[in-house]
Amino acid sequence: GWKDAISPTIINFNNEKMQITWAARELFPSKNVSFSYTFDEGKNKIWKPCPTYLLDQDYNSGCLFKTEGPTLAFSIRNSDGSEELFSKTLKSDFYIKPNPPENVTFFWKADTVTVSCNKPERAVKCLRLELQYKSKFDKDWQSRTSKCCSVGEQGFDPRKCYSFRVRLKRLVPYCNVVNYSSDWEAETFWMNGTLLDSCDDDIKSPSNTVIVLSGLLAVLLIMLVLLILLCKWQRLQKSVMPAIPDPKYIFADLFNDHNGNFQEWIDKTDHAMVQTKLEYEEPECIIEAESQQEDEKNSDKQGPQEKSFSFSRAAENNDPKASQIACLMPTSSTIASFAGFQILMNDDMYVML
């Protein structure tokens, strides 16, 4: 009964090499065994010893040898070969494990991907090409199987990066008694028909782009806010502290030609005074010493409500400019505005403010 418990693993690698393994420590504890095989049929069998043993802690746990025919017979015996522990005859073609697909190509058209590979030399009808893929948003692989040696799938998003892998499978039970598939071909990464080194590049690139664009947007917003604040500050500054006109620009000839000498400038601008008098149509004013004295007496009687201007010395000296200025001055104030400036009048002097 313990012989029936022996269930060796049999693999025919692409019908080129055979590998038969067994659980040495569980089946034959503290005991080494030998292996022999033959591909001959009938009574005249020639048994060959195992050319390459597979070891498990220095115990023989398997044998690797060349595939030489469709029918295999093997025997497991004790170390000296005197006792047979297990034997079996089988069809080696039903234990084939194919090689990985060769020259795998990807063809992209819109949202459809077609994967193809070279056809194997043997048993193409027994093979199927399996395609597996997933994006960075998928947890599990998506699978698609088709006849060898081309498989296609639709619905790929050109904005996503996909991982692809392919392998060949043997049909069960028509061609194999064991469901063997080849090893996976090297995994590749694609995005919209472009081969990438890794889908991590697709994840990092947008994040870097977003960071750069966010930084530029933040700088533009800060500059816009500063510009708005600057405009508002200028408006506030003008409303609170209005600009004081510079007399140099209003009376350029006073400061450039006369170095600020008001008396000299007044003497040179008789025509301007006359023109100003005509424009404002002020009533003609005759200043005499007697009328001035009467005005002073009247002012003393009226009290502090009104105060007339005194130009005694100017009148005595018959100063026509003073007479003209007096005509322009309001009699209810001691400060008069003249050409945008304020002029303070006194008995024998006038000051331009």
Foldseek 3Di string as FASTA:
>chain_A
DLLVVWDWQWAQEQLWKIKTFTDCCVSPNPFAKWKWKFPDDDDPTDIDTAPDFDDDVNHGGMGMDTRDAQKMKMFIGGPVRPGTSYIDIDGNQQRYAYAFFAPWDWDDDPFKIKIFGDQDPDDQVQKKKKKWKDWPVDDDIDIDIDRHTMDMDGDHDLLTKMKMKMWMWGDPPVGHPDTHIHDIDDIWIDHNRDTDPDRVCSVVVVVVVVVVVVVVVVVVVVVVVVVVVVVVVVVVCCVVPNDDDDVCVLCVCCCPVVVVPPVVVLVVPPVVLVVVCVVVVQDQDDDALVVLVVVVVVDVVVPDQWAAAAANVCRVVVPVSVSSVSSVADRRDQWGDDSNWIWGGHNHDIDID
